Amino acid sequence: MRALDQIPEGNGTMLDRTMVVYLSDGAETHHSQSFEWPFVVLGTADGKIKSGGRYLQFSNYANRGHRTINSLYNTLLHASGIPYDTFGTLDPNLTEDMHHGPLTEMLV
């Protein structure tokens, strides 16, 4: 990331136009139920992703305000110029608003 931040590009740096997503291959615990998955998003995708070292945590499974990984992927698609609001298989135990659309908390 430091190297990308040192390469001039347009009115900023290559890092300004980059989005790197790091995700773990395991969820919240060693013997996981896969209800919590940590993700790290670096860069702003040319100003489309909010930055500033923020930490976002959404409600637990099936609780009001819960969002799925599908929503994160929808967010990445929106930031990449592909405004798609559904991704993957929907969990029949959750309401549609927990799956659809991007995470507005991440988009500029």
Protein backbone atom coordinates (compact mmCIF):
# COMPACT_ATOMS: atom_id res chain seq x y z
CA MET A 1 0.00 0.00 0.00
CA ARG A 2 2.89 2.35 0.77
CA ALA A 3 4.38 1.64 -2.66
CA LEU A 4 1.06 2.41 -4.38
CA ASP A 5 0.81 5.64 -2.39
CA GLN A 6 4.20 6.72 -3.79
CA ILE A 7 3.23 6.36 -7.47
CA PRO A 8 1.73 9.56 -8.89
CA GLU A 9 -1.36 9.10 -11.01
CA GLY A 10 -3.58 11.93 -12.22
CA ASN A 11 -4.33 14.32 -9.35
CA GLY A 12 -3.36 11.77 -6.71
CA THR A 13 -1.58 8.47 -6.35
CA MET A 14 -2.19 4.95 -7.58
CA LEU A 15 -3.45 4.10 -4.08
CA ASP A 16 -6.20 6.70 -4.50
CA ARG A 17 -7.59 4.69 -7.41
CA THR A 18 -7.13 1.28 -5.79
CA MET A 19 -9.27 -0.86 -3.57
CA VAL A 20 -7.70 -3.86 -1.85
CA VAL A 21 -9.93 -6.26 0.06
CA TYR A 22 -8.44 -8.57 2.66
CA LEU A 23 -10.58 -11.28 4.14
CA SER A 24 -9.89 -14.16 6.44
CA ASP A 25 -10.45 -17.78 5.48
CA GLY A 26 -12.04 -18.30 8.90
CA ALA A 27 -14.87 -16.54 10.65
CA GLU A 28 -15.31 -15.50 14.27
CA THR A 29 -13.80 -18.55 16.02
CA HIS A 30 -11.79 -21.70 15.34
CA HIS A 31 -14.94 -23.84 15.15
CA SER A 32 -17.00 -21.14 13.53
CA GLN A 33 -20.70 -20.89 12.86
CA SER A 34 -19.75 -18.41 10.11
CA PHE A 35 -21.92 -15.61 11.44
CA GLU A 36 -19.10 -13.03 11.64
CA TRP A 37 -16.51 -12.50 8.91
CA PRO A 38 -13.79 -9.84 9.24
CA PHE A 39 -12.92 -7.82 6.14
CA VAL A 40 -10.40 -5.04 5.65
CA VAL A 41 -10.88 -2.62 2.74
CA LEU A 42 -7.91 -0.41 1.86
CA GLY A 43 -7.96 2.45 -0.61
CA THR A 44 -10.86 4.56 -1.83
CA ALA A 45 -11.48 3.18 -5.33
CA ASP A 46 -10.99 6.62 -6.86
CA GLY A 47 -13.00 8.34 -4.13
CA LYS A 48 -15.98 5.98 -4.17
CA ILE A 49 -15.25 4.30 -0.81
CA LYS A 50 -15.18 6.29 2.43
CA SER A 51 -11.82 6.21 4.15
CA GLY A 52 -10.37 7.47 7.37
CA GLY A 53 -9.62 4.35 9.40
CA ARG A 54 -13.24 3.61 10.23
CA TYR A 55 -14.48 0.39 11.79
CA LEU A 56 -17.96 -0.84 10.89
CA GLN A 57 -19.84 -3.53 12.73
CA PHE A 58 -23.37 -4.58 11.85
CA SER A 59 -25.99 -6.25 14.02
CA ASN A 60 -25.83 -9.94 14.81
CA TYR A 61 -27.48 -12.53 12.60
CA ALA A 62 -31.16 -11.86 11.89
CA ASN A 63 -31.30 -8.83 14.19
CA ARG A 64 -32.52 -5.44 12.95
CA GLY A 65 -29.68 -3.78 11.00
CA HIS A 66 -27.96 -7.06 10.12
CA ARG A 67 -26.29 -7.19 6.70
CA THR A 68 -24.80 -10.11 4.84
CA ILE A 69 -21.55 -10.59 2.97
CA ASN A 70 -23.72 -10.30 -0.14
CA SER A 71 -24.18 -6.62 0.74
CA LEU A 72 -20.43 -6.11 1.01
CA TYR A 73 -19.94 -7.64 -2.42
CA ASN A 74 -22.71 -5.41 -3.79
CA THR A 75 -20.81 -2.44 -2.32
CA LEU A 76 -17.58 -3.48 -4.04
CA LEU A 77 -19.48 -3.84 -7.31
CA HIS A 78 -21.02 -0.35 -6.94
CA ALA A 79 -17.59 1.15 -6.20
CA SER A 80 -16.24 -0.57 -9.32
CA GLY A 81 -18.91 1.01 -11.51
CA ILE A 82 -21.19 -2.04 -11.62
CA PRO A 83 -24.32 -1.07 -9.67
CA TYR A 84 -25.60 -4.56 -8.92
CA ASP A 85 -27.88 -5.00 -5.89
CA THR A 86 -27.97 -8.78 -5.50
CA PHE A 87 -25.19 -11.28 -5.10
CA GLY A 88 -25.11 -14.98 -4.39
CA THR A 89 -27.69 -17.13 -2.68
CA LEU A 90 -30.11 -15.47 -0.29
CA ASP A 91 -30.60 -16.81 3.22
CA PRO A 92 -34.30 -17.70 3.51
CA ASN A 93 -34.23 -16.88 7.26
CA LEU A 94 -33.40 -13.21 6.61
CA THR A 95 -35.41 -10.34 5.22
CA GLU A 96 -34.55 -9.02 1.75
CA ASP A 97 -33.14 -5.73 3.08
CA MET A 98 -30.39 -7.70 4.85
CA HIS A 99 -29.13 -9.03 1.49
CA HIS A 100 -29.82 -6.39 -1.15
CA GLY A 101 -28.07 -3.23 -2.13
CA PRO A 102 -24.72 -1.79 -1.12
CA LEU A 103 -23.61 -0.79 2.36
CA THR A 104 -24.32 2.93 2.17
CA GLU A 105 -22.05 3.40 5.19
CA MET A 106 -19.10 2.58 2.93
CA LEU A 107 -19.99 4.51 -0.23
CA VAL A 108 -19.27 8.19 -0.74
